[in-house]
Amino acid sequence: TINNLAVVLNNGDVVDFFTEILHNGKTRIGYVRSSDKGETFGPAQ
């Protein structure tokens, strides 16, 4: 990943967005989400 940027949504979720460069050269903007102010994060989307 590169260019991780965290934002806080209106519902309080903390979402970290990032550029993801995969092993096959595919590049995408992904994110992981926390519903407990960063205590835990869910799987990448």
PDB file of all heavy atoms in Angstrom:
ATOM      1  N   THR A   1       0.850  -1.175   0.000  1.00  0.00           N
ATOM      2  CA  THR A   1       0.000   0.000   0.000  1.00  0.00           C
ATOM      3  C   THR A   1       0.893   1.234   0.000  1.00  0.00           C
ATOM      4  O   THR A   1       2.090   1.174   0.329  1.00  0.00           O
ATOM      5  CB  THR A   1      -0.931   0.050   1.221  1.00  0.00           C
ATOM      6  OG1 THR A   1      -0.158   0.317   2.401  1.00  0.00           O
ATOM      7  CG2 THR A   1      -1.684  -1.260   1.388  1.00  0.00           C
ATOM      8  N   ILE A   2       0.323   2.359  -0.382  1.00  0.00           N
ATOM      9  CA  ILE A   2       0.988   3.647  -0.293  1.00  0.00           C
ATOM     10  C   ILE A   2      -0.097   4.706  -0.225  1.00  0.00           C
ATOM     11  O   ILE A   2      -1.247   4.465  -0.608  1.00  0.00           O
ATOM     12  CB  ILE A   2       1.949   3.887  -1.488  1.00  0.00           C
ATOM     13  CG1 ILE A   2       2.883   5.081  -1.197  1.00  0.00           C
ATOM     14  CG2 ILE A   2       1.192   4.072  -2.799  1.00  0.00           C
ATOM     15  CD1 ILE A   2       4.012   5.239  -2.199  1.00  0.00           C
ATOM     16  N   ASN A   3       0.249   5.879   0.299  1.00  0.00           N
ATOM     17  CA  ASN A   3      -0.680   7.008   0.350  1.00  0.00           C
ATOM     18  C   ASN A   3      -1.880   6.694   1.239  1.00  0.00           C
ATOM     19  O   ASN A   3      -3.027   7.027   0.923  1.00  0.00           O
ATOM     20  CB  ASN A   3      -1.157   7.382  -1.058  1.00  0.00           C
ATOM     21  CG  ASN A   3      -1.752   8.783  -1.121  1.00  0.00           C
ATOM     22  OD1 ASN A   3      -1.167   9.734  -0.653  1.00  0.00           O
ATOM     23  ND2 ASN A   3      -2.924   8.897  -1.719  1.00  0.00           N
ATOM     24  N   ASN A   4      -1.623   6.072   2.384  1.00  0.00           N
ATOM     25  CA  ASN A   4      -2.695   5.846   3.348  1.00  0.00           C
ATOM     26  C   ASN A   4      -3.228   7.189   3.855  1.00  0.00           C
ATOM     27  O   ASN A   4      -2.455   8.064   4.266  1.00  0.00           O
ATOM     28  CB  ASN A   4      -2.171   5.017   4.518  1.00  0.00           C
ATOM     29  CG  ASN A   4      -1.959   3.577   4.139  1.00  0.00           C
ATOM     30  OD1 ASN A   4      -2.865   2.762   4.262  1.00  0.00           O
ATOM     31  ND2 ASN A   4      -0.761   3.246   3.658  1.00  0.00           N
ATOM     32  N   LEU A   5      -4.552   7.352   3.813  1.00  0.00           N
ATOM     33  CA  LEU A   5      -5.217   8.568   4.283  1.00  0.00           C
ATOM     34  C   LEU A   5      -6.434   8.159   5.100  1.00  0.00           C
ATOM     35  O   LEU A   5      -7.335   7.491   4.581  1.00  0.00           O
ATOM     36  CB  LEU A   5      -5.670   9.441   3.105  1.00  0.00           C
ATOM     37  CG  LEU A   5      -4.584  10.014   2.191  1.00  0.00           C
ATOM     38  CD1 LEU A   5      -5.229  10.717   1.003  1.00  0.00           C
ATOM     39  CD2 LEU A   5      -3.700  10.982   2.953  1.00  0.00           C
ATOM     40  N   ALA A   6      -6.471   8.550   6.353  1.00  0.00           N
ATOM     41  CA  ALA A   6      -7.595   8.216   7.221  1.00  0.00           C
ATOM     42  C   ALA A   6      -8.616   9.350   7.216  1.00  0.00           C
ATOM     43  O   ALA A   6      -8.252  10.528   7.253  1.00  0.00           O
ATOM     44  CB  ALA A   6      -7.112   7.952   8.640  1.00  0.00           C
ATOM     45  N   VAL A   7      -9.895   8.985   7.153  1.00  0.00           N
ATOM     46  CA  VAL A   7     -10.986   9.948   7.296  1.00  0.00           C
ATOM     47  C   VAL A   7     -11.966   9.404   8.320  1.00  0.00           C
ATOM     48  O   VAL A   7     -12.012   8.197   8.591  1.00  0.00           O
ATOM     49  CB  VAL A   7     -11.704  10.208   5.957  1.00  0.00           C
ATOM     50  CG1 VAL A   7     -10.764  10.854   4.952  1.00  0.00           C
ATOM     51  CG2 VAL A   7     -12.303   8.929   5.383  1.00  0.00           C
ATOM     52  N   VAL A   8     -12.758  10.311   8.895  1.00  0.00           N
ATOM     53  CA  VAL A   8     -13.798   9.924   9.843  1.00  0.00           C
ATOM     54  C   VAL A   8     -15.137  10.252   9.202  1.00  0.00           C
ATOM     55  O   VAL A   8     -15.406  11.405   8.844  1.00  0.00           O
ATOM     56  CB  VAL A   8     -13.638  10.656  11.179  1.00  0.00           C
ATOM     57  CG1 VAL A   8     -14.739  10.218  12.155  1.00  0.00           C
ATOM     58  CG2 VAL A   8     -12.261  10.385  11.773  1.00  0.00           C
ATOM     59  N   LEU A   9     -15.980   9.236   9.040  1.00  0.00           N
ATOM     60  CA  LEU A   9     -17.284   9.420   8.431  1.00  0.00           C
ATOM     61  C   LEU A   9     -18.271  10.018   9.436  1.00  0.00           C
ATOM     62  O   LEU A   9     -18.015  10.072  10.641  1.00  0.00           O
ATOM     63  CB  LEU A   9     -17.809   8.086   7.907  1.00  0.00           C
ATOM     64  CG  LEU A   9     -16.888   7.321   6.944  1.00  0.00           C
ATOM     65  CD1 LEU A   9     -17.603   6.078   6.408  1.00  0.00           C
ATOM     66  CD2 LEU A   9     -16.426   8.202   5.789  1.00  0.00           C
ATOM     67  N   ASN A  10     -19.413  10.454   8.934  1.00  0.00           N
ATOM     68  CA  ASN A  10     -20.407  11.074   9.812  1.00  0.00           C
ATOM     69  C   ASN A  10     -20.974  10.109  10.839  1.00  0.00           C
ATOM     70  O   ASN A  10     -21.458  10.528  11.890  1.00  0.00           O
ATOM     71  CB  ASN A  10     -21.538  11.661   8.969  1.00  0.00           C
ATOM     72  CG  ASN A  10     -21.118  12.920   8.232  1.00  0.00           C
ATOM     73  OD1 ASN A  10     -19.924  13.205   8.122  1.00  0.00           O
ATOM     74  ND2 ASN A  10     -22.078  13.656   7.705  1.00  0.00           N
ATOM     75  N   ASN A  11     -20.914   8.798  10.549  1.00  0.00           N
ATOM     76  CA  ASN A  11     -21.391   7.819  11.522  1.00  0.00           C
ATOM     77  C   ASN A  11     -20.326   7.445  12.549  1.00  0.00           C
ATOM     78  O   ASN A  11     -20.548   6.571  13.384  1.00  0.00           O
ATOM     79  CB  ASN A  11     -21.903   6.565  10.817  1.00  0.00           C
ATOM     80  CG  ASN A  11     -20.803   5.818  10.058  1.00  0.00           C
ATOM     81  OD1 ASN A  11     -19.632   6.196  10.098  1.00  0.00           O
ATOM     82  ND2 ASN A  11     -21.182   4.754   9.361  1.00  0.00           N
ATOM     83  N   GLY A  12     -19.159   8.099  12.468  1.00  0.00           N
ATOM     84  CA  GLY A  12     -18.084   7.854  13.428  1.00  0.00           C
ATOM     85  C   GLY A  12     -17.056   6.838  12.984  1.00  0.00           C
ATOM     86  O   GLY A  12     -16.004   6.698  13.628  1.00  0.00           O
ATOM     87  N   ASP A  13     -17.325   6.099  11.909  1.00  0.00           N
ATOM     88  CA  ASP A  13     -16.349   5.112  11.430  1.00  0.00           C
ATOM     89  C   ASP A  13     -15.052   5.794  11.014  1.00  0.00           C
ATOM     90  O   ASP A  13     -15.071   6.854  10.366  1.00  0.00           O
ATOM     91  CB  ASP A  13     -16.904   4.346  10.234  1.00  0.00           C
ATOM     92  CG  ASP A  13     -17.975   3.343  10.612  1.00  0.00           C
ATOM     93  OD1 ASP A  13     -18.259   3.207  11.811  1.00  0.00           O
ATOM     94  OD2 ASP A  13     -18.542   2.719   9.697  1.00  0.00           O
ATOM     95  N   VAL A  14     -13.938   5.178  11.360  1.00  0.00           N
ATOM     96  CA  VAL A  14     -12.618   5.605  10.885  1.00  0.00           C
ATOM     97  C   VAL A  14     -12.275   4.723   9.691  1.00  0.00           C
ATOM     98  O   VAL A  14     -12.231   3.496   9.807  1.00  0.00           O
ATOM     99  CB  VAL A  14     -11.550   5.463  11.983  1.00  0.00           C
ATOM    100  CG1 VAL A  14     -10.181   5.887  11.459  1.00  0.00           C
ATOM    101  CG2 VAL A  14     -11.936   6.293  13.207  1.00  0.00           C
ATOM    102  N   VAL A  15     -12.033   5.353   8.540  1.00  0.00           N
ATOM    103  CA  VAL A  15     -11.756   4.609   7.314  1.00  0.00           C
ATOM    104  C   VAL A  15     -10.390   5.027   6.797  1.00  0.00           C
ATOM    105  O   VAL A  15     -10.143   6.217   6.577  1.00  0.00           O
ATOM    106  CB  VAL A  15     -12.837   4.855   6.241  1.00  0.00           C
ATOM    107  CG1 VAL A  15     -12.540   4.026   4.998  1.00  0.00           C
ATOM    108  CG2 VAL A  15     -14.212   4.529   6.787  1.00  0.00           C
ATOM    109  N   ASP A  16      -9.508   4.049   6.621  1.00  0.00           N
ATOM    110  CA  ASP A  16      -8.193   4.303   6.037  1.00  0.00           C
ATOM    111  C   ASP A  16      -8.231   3.904   4.567  1.00  0.00           C
ATOM    112  O   ASP A  16      -8.382   2.729   4.242  1.00  0.00           O
ATOM    113  CB  ASP A  16      -7.103   3.522   6.763  1.00  0.00           C
ATOM    114  CG  ASP A  16      -5.759   3.695   6.077  1.00  0.00           C
ATOM    115  OD1 ASP A  16      -5.375   4.854   5.832  1.00  0.00           O
ATOM    116  OD2 ASP A  16      -5.107   2.680   5.760  1.00  0.00           O
ATOM    117  N   PHE A  17      -8.083   4.901   3.693  1.00  0.00           N
ATOM    118  CA  PHE A  17      -7.975   4.657   2.255  1.00  0.00           C
ATOM    119  C   PHE A  17      -6.502   4.521   1.878  1.00  0.00           C
ATOM    120  O   PHE A  17      -5.629   5.131   2.506  1.00  0.00           O
ATOM    121  CB  PHE A  17      -8.605   5.802   1.463  1.00  0.00           C
ATOM    122  CG  PHE A  17     -10.104   5.819   1.516  1.00  0.00           C
ATOM    123  CD1 PHE A  17     -10.771   6.504   2.527  1.00  0.00           C
ATOM    124  CD2 PHE A  17     -10.856   5.164   0.550  1.00  0.00           C
ATOM    125  CE1 PHE A  17     -12.150   6.529   2.572  1.00  0.00           C
ATOM    126  CE2 PHE A  17     -12.243   5.179   0.586  1.00  0.00           C
ATOM    127  CZ  PHE A  17     -12.896   5.862   1.603  1.00  0.00           C
ATOM    128  N   PHE A  18      -6.216   3.764   0.834  1.00  0.00           N
ATOM    129  CA  PHE A  18      -4.839   3.573   0.391  1.00  0.00           C
ATOM    130  C   PHE A  18      -4.814   3.162  -1.076  1.00  0.00           C
ATOM    131  O   PHE A  18      -5.780   2.593  -1.601  1.00  0.00           O
ATOM    132  CB  PHE A  18      -4.123   2.497   1.232  1.00  0.00           C
ATOM    133  CG  PHE A  18      -4.928   1.253   1.433  1.00  0.00           C
ATOM    134  CD1 PHE A  18      -5.053   0.281   0.442  1.00  0.00           C
ATOM    135  CD2 PHE A  18      -5.600   1.034   2.637  1.00  0.00           C
ATOM    136  CE1 PHE A  18      -5.802  -0.862   0.634  1.00  0.00           C
ATOM    137  CE2 PHE A  18      -6.367  -0.101   2.840  1.00  0.00           C
ATOM    138  CZ  PHE A  18      -6.466  -1.062   1.839  1.00  0.00           C
ATOM    139  N   THR A  19      -3.710   3.484  -1.734  1.00  0.00           N
ATOM    140  CA  THR A  19      -3.411   2.869  -3.022  1.00  0.00           C
ATOM    141  C   THR A  19      -2.814   1.500  -2.750  1.00  0.00           C
ATOM    142  O   THR A  19      -1.917   1.354  -1.915  1.00  0.00           O
ATOM    143  CB  THR A  19      -2.407   3.702  -3.828  1.00  0.00           C
ATOM    144  OG1 THR A  19      -2.954   5.006  -4.059  1.00  0.00           O
ATOM    145  CG2 THR A  19      -2.107   3.048  -5.166  1.00  0.00           C
ATOM    146  N   GLU A  20      -3.316   0.494  -3.459  1.00  0.00           N
ATOM    147  CA  GLU A  20      -2.807  -0.866  -3.317  1.00  0.00           C
ATOM    148  C   GLU A  20      -2.206  -1.305  -4.650  1.00  0.00           C
ATOM    149  O   GLU A  20      -2.902  -1.313  -5.671  1.00  0.00           O
ATOM    150  CB  GLU A  20      -3.937  -1.806  -2.901  1.00  0.00           C
ATOM    151  CG  GLU A  20      -3.470  -3.187  -2.486  1.00  0.00           C
ATOM    152  CD  GLU A  20      -4.599  -3.992  -1.863  1.00  0.00           C
ATOM    153  OE1 GLU A  20      -5.687  -4.046  -2.443  1.00  0.00           O
ATOM    154  OE2 GLU A  20      -4.382  -4.556  -0.772  1.00  0.00           O
ATOM    155  N   ILE A  21      -0.917  -1.613  -4.632  1.00  0.00           N
ATOM    156  CA  ILE A  21      -0.221  -2.110  -5.819  1.00  0.00           C
ATOM    157  C   ILE A  21      -0.027  -3.606  -5.630  1.00  0.00           C
ATOM    158  O   ILE A  21       0.722  -4.035  -4.750  1.00  0.00           O
ATOM    159  CB  ILE A  21       1.132  -1.400  -6.011  1.00  0.00           C
ATOM    160  CG1 ILE A  21       0.935   0.118  -6.074  1.00  0.00           C
ATOM    161  CG2 ILE A  21       1.821  -1.891  -7.279  1.00  0.00           C
ATOM    162  CD1 ILE A  21       2.227   0.902  -6.097  1.00  0.00           C
ATOM    163  N   LEU A  22      -0.731  -4.401  -6.428  1.00  0.00           N
ATOM    164  CA  LEU A  22      -0.724  -5.844  -6.261  1.00  0.00           C
ATOM    165  C   LEU A  22       0.437  -6.493  -6.998  1.00  0.00           C
ATOM    166  O   LEU A  22       1.102  -5.870  -7.831  1.00  0.00           O
ATOM    167  CB  LEU A  22      -2.044  -6.425  -6.754  1.00  0.00           C
ATOM    168  CG  LEU A  22      -3.299  -5.895  -6.040  1.00  0.00           C
ATOM    169  CD1 LEU A  22      -4.544  -6.524  -6.625  1.00  0.00           C
ATOM    170  CD2 LEU A  22      -3.208  -6.136  -4.545  1.00  0.00           C
ATOM    171  N   HIS A  23       0.684  -7.761  -6.696  1.00  0.00           N
ATOM    172  CA  HIS A  23       1.828  -8.464  -7.261  1.00  0.00           C
ATOM    173  C   HIS A  23       1.715  -8.638  -8.774  1.00  0.00           C
ATOM    174  O   HIS A  23       2.708  -8.892  -9.455  1.00  0.00           O
ATOM    175  CB  HIS A  23       1.990  -9.830  -6.590  1.00  0.00           C
ATOM    176  CG  HIS A  23       0.917 -10.811  -6.947  1.00  0.00           C
ATOM    177  ND1 HIS A  23      -0.280 -10.867  -6.282  1.00  0.00           N
ATOM    178  CD2 HIS A  23       0.861 -11.752  -7.912  1.00  0.00           C
ATOM    179  CE1 HIS A  23      -1.031 -11.809  -6.821  1.00  0.00           C
ATOM    180  NE2 HIS A  23      -0.367 -12.367  -7.806  1.00  0.00           N
ATOM    181  N   ASN A  24       0.494  -8.497  -9.322  1.00  0.00           N
ATOM    182  CA  ASN A  24       0.309  -8.640 -10.770  1.00  0.00           C
ATOM    183  C   ASN A  24       0.298  -7.302 -11.494  1.00  0.00           C
ATOM    184  O   ASN A  24      -0.010  -7.233 -12.686  1.00  0.00           O
ATOM    185  CB  ASN A  24      -0.986  -9.393 -11.063  1.00  0.00           C
ATOM    186  CG  ASN A  24      -2.208  -8.701 -10.481  1.00  0.00           C
ATOM    187  OD1 ASN A  24      -2.129  -7.591  -9.970  1.00  0.00           O
ATOM    188  ND2 ASN A  24      -3.354  -9.368 -10.558  1.00  0.00           N
ATOM    189  N   GLY A  25       0.616  -6.211 -10.791  1.00  0.00           N
ATOM    190  CA  GLY A  25       0.666  -4.897 -11.391  1.00  0.00           C
ATOM    191  C   GLY A  25      -0.638  -4.137 -11.343  1.00  0.00           C
ATOM    192  O   GLY A  25      -0.683  -2.960 -11.700  1.00  0.00           O
ATOM    193  N   LYS A  26      -1.709  -4.770 -10.889  1.00  0.00           N
ATOM    194  CA  LYS A  26      -2.980  -4.071 -10.779  1.00  0.00           C
ATOM    195  C   LYS A  26      -2.908  -3.038  -9.661  1.00  0.00           C
ATOM    196  O   LYS A  26      -2.331  -3.290  -8.599  1.00  0.00           O
ATOM    197  CB  LYS A  26      -4.103  -5.071 -10.493  1.00  0.00           C
ATOM    198  CG  LYS A  26      -5.494  -4.469 -10.530  1.00  0.00           C
ATOM    199  CD  LYS A  26      -6.559  -5.546 -10.365  1.00  0.00           C
ATOM    200  CE  LYS A  26      -7.966  -4.954 -10.475  1.00  0.00           C
ATOM    201  NZ  LYS A  26      -9.014  -6.005 -10.357  1.00  0.00           N
ATOM    202  N   THR A  27      -3.486  -1.869  -9.913  1.00  0.00           N
ATOM    203  CA  THR A  27      -3.435  -0.779  -8.944  1.00  0.00           C
ATOM    204  C   THR A  27      -4.849  -0.293  -8.667  1.00  0.00           C
ATOM    205  O   THR A  27      -5.624  -0.074  -9.603  1.00  0.00           O
ATOM    206  CB  THR A  27      -2.575   0.378  -9.479  1.00  0.00           C
ATOM    207  OG1 THR A  27      -1.296  -0.133  -9.857  1.00  0.00           O
ATOM    208  CG2 THR A  27      -2.362   1.438  -8.422  1.00  0.00           C
ATOM    209  N   ARG A  28      -5.178  -0.123  -7.395  1.00  0.00           N
ATOM    210  CA  ARG A  28      -6.537   0.262  -7.034  1.00  0.00           C
ATOM    211  C   ARG A  28      -6.528   1.054  -5.737  1.00  0.00           C
ATOM    212  O   ARG A  28      -5.545   1.040  -4.981  1.00  0.00           O
ATOM    213  CB  ARG A  28      -7.410  -0.976  -6.887  1.00  0.00           C
ATOM    214  CG  ARG A  28      -6.943  -1.949  -5.801  1.00  0.00           C
ATOM    215  CD  ARG A  28      -7.585  -3.315  -5.960  1.00  0.00           C
ATOM    216  NE  ARG A  28      -7.293  -4.205  -4.843  1.00  0.00           N
ATOM    217  CZ  ARG A  28      -7.601  -5.501  -4.820  1.00  0.00           C
ATOM    218  NH1 ARG A  28      -8.224  -6.050  -5.854  1.00  0.00           N
ATOM    219  NH2 ARG A  28      -7.318  -6.246  -3.765  1.00  0.00           N
ATOM    220  N   ILE A  29      -7.630   1.752  -5.495  1.00  0.00           N
ATOM    221  CA  ILE A  29      -7.826   2.443  -4.226  1.00  0.00           C
ATOM    222  C   ILE A  29      -8.708   1.550  -3.354  1.00  0.00           C
ATOM    223  O   ILE A  29      -9.837   1.210  -3.725  1.00  0.00           O
ATOM    224  CB  ILE A  29      -8.482   3.818  -4.424  1.00  0.00           C
ATOM    225  CG1 ILE A  29      -7.605   4.703  -5.306  1.00  0.00           C
ATOM    226  CG2 ILE A  29      -8.707   4.494  -3.061  1.00  0.00           C
ATOM    227  CD1 ILE A  29      -8.239   6.032  -5.671  1.00  0.00           C
ATOM    228  N   GLY A  30      -8.163   1.136  -2.229  1.00  0.00           N
ATOM    229  CA  GLY A  30      -8.887   0.300  -1.292  1.00  0.00           C
ATOM    230  C   GLY A  30      -9.038   0.989   0.046  1.00  0.00           C
ATOM    231  O   GLY A  30      -8.574   2.120   0.246  1.00  0.00           O
ATOM    232  N   TYR A  31      -9.670   0.287   0.989  1.00  0.00           N
ATOM    233  CA  TYR A  31      -9.841   0.869   2.316  1.00  0.00           C
ATOM    234  C   TYR A  31     -10.137  -0.224   3.336  1.00  0.00           C
ATOM    235  O   TYR A  31     -10.607  -1.314   2.992  1.00  0.00           O
ATOM    236  CB  TYR A  31     -10.955   1.915   2.327  1.00  0.00           C
ATOM    237  CG  TYR A  31     -12.324   1.401   1.955  1.00  0.00           C
ATOM    238  CD1 TYR A  31     -13.226   0.991   2.930  1.00  0.00           C
ATOM    239  CD2 TYR A  31     -12.728   1.329   0.625  1.00  0.00           C
ATOM    240  CE1 TYR A  31     -14.490   0.516   2.606  1.00  0.00           C
ATOM    241  CE2 TYR A  31     -13.988   0.861   0.280  1.00  0.00           C
ATOM    242  CZ  TYR A  31     -14.864   0.452   1.270  1.00  0.00           C
ATOM    243  OH  TYR A  31     -16.108  -0.028   0.935  1.00  0.00           O
ATOM    244  N   VAL A  32      -9.838   0.096   4.586  1.00  0.00           N
ATOM    245  CA  VAL A  32     -10.257  -0.710   5.725  1.00  0.00           C
ATOM    246  C   VAL A  32     -11.017   0.192   6.682  1.00  0.00           C
ATOM    247  O   VAL A  32     -10.760   1.398   6.758  1.00  0.00           O
ATOM    248  CB  VAL A  32      -9.069  -1.387   6.434  1.00  0.00           C
ATOM    249  CG1 VAL A  32      -8.460  -2.479   5.560  1.00  0.00           C
ATOM    250  CG2 VAL A  32      -8.003  -0.367   6.845  1.00  0.00           C
ATOM    251  N   ARG A  33     -11.951  -0.402   7.412  1.00  0.00           N
ATOM    252  CA  ARG A  33     -12.882   0.383   8.217  1.00  0.00           C
ATOM    253  C   ARG A  33     -12.834  -0.055   9.679  1.00  0.00           C
ATOM    254  O   ARG A  33     -12.732  -1.245   9.992  1.00  0.00           O
ATOM    255  CB  ARG A  33     -14.296   0.198   7.687  1.00  0.00           C
ATOM    256  CG  ARG A  33     -15.371   1.013   8.383  1.00  0.00           C
ATOM    257  CD  ARG A  33     -16.759   0.557   7.942  1.00  0.00           C
ATOM    258  NE  ARG A  33     -16.916   0.578   6.503  1.00  0.00           N
ATOM    259  CZ  ARG A  33     -17.386   1.608   5.807  1.00  0.00           C
ATOM    260  NH1 ARG A  33     -17.739   2.711   6.445  1.00  0.00           N
ATOM    261  NH2 ARG A  33     -17.512   1.535   4.487  1.00  0.00           N
ATOM    262  N   SER A  34     -12.917   0.932  10.571  1.00  0.00           N
ATOM    263  CA  SER A  34     -13.027   0.672  12.005  1.00  0.00           C
ATOM    264  C   SER A  34     -14.289   1.324  12.531  1.00  0.00           C
ATOM    265  O   SER A  34     -14.548   2.501  12.267  1.00  0.00           O
ATOM    266  CB  SER A  34     -11.810   1.228  12.757  1.00  0.00           C
ATOM    267  OG  SER A  34     -12.002   1.136  14.165  1.00  0.00           O
ATOM    268  N   SER A  35     -15.080   0.563  13.292  1.00  0.00           N
ATOM    269  CA  SER A  35     -16.287   1.107  13.916  1.00  0.00           C
ATOM    270  C   SER A  35     -16.086   1.380  15.396  1.00  0.00           C
ATOM    271  O   SER A  35     -17.068   1.692  16.102  1.00  0.00           O
ATOM    272  CB  SER A  35     -17.461   0.141  13.708  1.00  0.00           C
ATOM    273  OG  SER A  35     -17.740  -0.020  12.327  1.00  0.00           O
ATOM    274  N   ASP A  36     -14.835   1.277  15.866  1.00  0.00           N
ATOM    275  CA  ASP A  36     -14.553   1.511  17.285  1.00  0.00           C
ATOM    276  C   ASP A  36     -13.362   2.444  17.467  1.00  0.00           C
ATOM    277  O   ASP A  36     -12.499   2.224  18.306  1.00  0.00           O
ATOM    278  CB  ASP A  36     -14.339   0.181  18.015  1.00  0.00           C
ATOM    279  CG  ASP A  36     -13.313  -0.722  17.336  1.00  0.00           C
ATOM    280  OD1 ASP A  36     -12.550  -0.215  16.479  1.00  0.00           O
ATOM    281  OD2 ASP A  36     -13.279  -1.921  17.641  1.00  0.00           O
ATOM    282  N   LYS A  37     -13.313   3.495  16.624  1.00  0.00           N
ATOM    283  CA  LYS A  37     -12.297   4.541  16.720  1.00  0.00           C
ATOM    284  C   LYS A  37     -10.867   4.016  16.606  1.00  0.00           C
ATOM    285  O   LYS A  37      -9.951   4.516  17.236  1.00  0.00           O
ATOM    286  CB  LYS A  37     -12.456   5.336  18.020  1.00  0.00           C
ATOM    287  CG  LYS A  37     -13.708   6.206  18.055  1.00  0.00           C
ATOM    288  CD  LYS A  37     -13.748   7.074  19.288  1.00  0.00           C
ATOM    289  CE  LYS A  37     -14.937   8.016  19.288  1.00  0.00           C
ATOM    290  NZ  LYS A  37     -14.847   9.064  18.254  1.00  0.00           N
ATOM    291  N   GLY A  38     -10.684   2.977  15.790  1.00  0.00           N
ATOM    292  CA  GLY A  38      -9.343   2.488  15.518  1.00  0.00           C
ATOM    293  C   GLY A  38      -8.881   1.363  16.417  1.00  0.00           C
ATOM    294  O   GLY A  38      -7.737   0.917  16.291  1.00  0.00           O
ATOM    295  N   GLU A  39      -9.733   0.876  17.290  1.00  0.00           N
ATOM    296  CA  GLU A  39      -9.354  -0.262  18.126  1.00  0.00           C
ATOM    297  C   GLU A  39      -9.159  -1.511  17.269  1.00  0.00           C
ATOM    298  O   GLU A  39      -8.188  -2.247  17.429  1.00  0.00           O
ATOM    299  CB  GLU A  39     -10.438  -0.507  19.187  1.00  0.00           C
ATOM    300  CG  GLU A  39     -10.157  -1.670  20.118  1.00  0.00           C
ATOM    301  CD  GLU A  39      -9.003  -1.414  21.066  1.00  0.00           C
ATOM    302  OE1 GLU A  39      -8.728  -0.233  21.361  1.00  0.00           O
ATOM    303  OE2 GLU A  39      -8.376  -2.400  21.512  1.00  0.00           O
ATOM    304  N   THR A  40     -10.081  -1.728  16.335  1.00  0.00           N
ATOM    305  CA  THR A  40      -9.972  -2.851  15.402  1.00  0.00           C
ATOM    306  C   THR A  40     -10.390  -2.382  14.013  1.00  0.00           C
ATOM    307  O   THR A  40     -11.151  -1.418  13.863  1.00  0.00           O
ATOM    308  CB  THR A  40     -10.881  -4.021  15.827  1.00  0.00           C
ATOM    309  OG1 THR A  40     -12.243  -3.571  15.865  1.00  0.00           O
ATOM    310  CG2 THR A  40     -10.476  -4.555  17.190  1.00  0.00           C
ATOM    311  N   PHE A  41      -9.909  -3.093  12.991  1.00  0.00           N
ATOM    312  CA  PHE A  41     -10.268  -2.792  11.604  1.00  0.00           C
ATOM    313  C   PHE A  41     -10.756  -4.065  10.925  1.00  0.00           C
ATOM    314  O   PHE A  41     -10.266  -5.164  11.201  1.00  0.00           O
ATOM    315  CB  PHE A  41      -9.068  -2.240  10.832  1.00  0.00           C
ATOM    316  CG  PHE A  41      -8.776  -0.795  11.127  1.00  0.00           C
ATOM    317  CD1 PHE A  41      -8.000  -0.443  12.220  1.00  0.00           C
ATOM    318  CD2 PHE A  41      -9.283   0.204  10.313  1.00  0.00           C
ATOM    319  CE1 PHE A  41      -7.724   0.891  12.495  1.00  0.00           C
ATOM    320  CE2 PHE A  41      -9.023   1.532  10.578  1.00  0.00           C
ATOM    321  CZ  PHE A  41      -8.237   1.885  11.682  1.00  0.00           C
ATOM    322  N   GLY A  42     -11.701  -3.896  10.021  1.00  0.00           N
ATOM    323  CA  GLY A  42     -12.225  -5.017   9.274  1.00  0.00           C
ATOM    324  C   GLY A  42     -11.381  -5.324   8.042  1.00  0.00           C
ATOM    325  O   GLY A  42     -10.324  -4.740   7.818  1.00  0.00           O
ATOM    326  N   PRO A  43     -11.851  -6.259   7.200  1.00  0.00           N
ATOM    327  CA  PRO A  43     -11.096  -6.651   6.007  1.00  0.00           C
ATOM    328  C   PRO A  43     -11.083  -5.541   4.967  1.00  0.00           C
ATOM    329  O   PRO A  43     -11.943  -4.657   4.950  1.00  0.00           O
ATOM    330  CB  PRO A  43     -11.865  -7.880   5.504  1.00  0.00           C
ATOM    331  CG  PRO A  43     -13.255  -7.694   6.026  1.00  0.00           C
ATOM    332  CD  PRO A  43     -13.108  -7.013   7.356  1.00  0.00           C
ATOM    333  N   ALA A  44     -10.119  -5.625   4.065  1.00  0.00           N
ATOM    334  CA  ALA A  44      -9.971  -4.608   3.027  1.00  0.00           C
ATOM    335  C   ALA A  44     -11.094  -4.708   2.006  1.00  0.00           C
ATOM    336  O   ALA A  44     -11.558  -5.808   1.666  1.00  0.00           O
ATOM    337  CB  ALA A  44      -8.621  -4.753   2.339  1.00  0.00           C
ATOM    338  N   GLN A  45     -11.530  -3.554   1.520  1.00  0.00           N
ATOM    339  CA  GLN A  45     -12.524  -3.446   0.460  1.00  0.00           C
ATOM    340  C   GLN A  45     -11.915  -2.621  -0.680  1.00  0.00           C
ATOM    341  O   GLN A  45     -10.958  -1.873  -0.481  1.00  0.00           O
ATOM    342  CB  GLN A  45     -13.789  -2.756   0.976  1.00  0.00           C
ATOM    343  CG  GLN A  45     -14.384  -3.397   2.214  1.00  0.00           C
ATOM    344  CD  GLN A  45     -14.992  -4.756   1.933  1.00  0.00           C
ATOM    345  OE1 GLN A  45     -15.588  -4.969   0.881  1.00  0.00           O
ATOM    346  NE2 GLN A  45     -14.833  -5.684   2.866  1.00  0.00           N
TER     347      GLN A  45
END
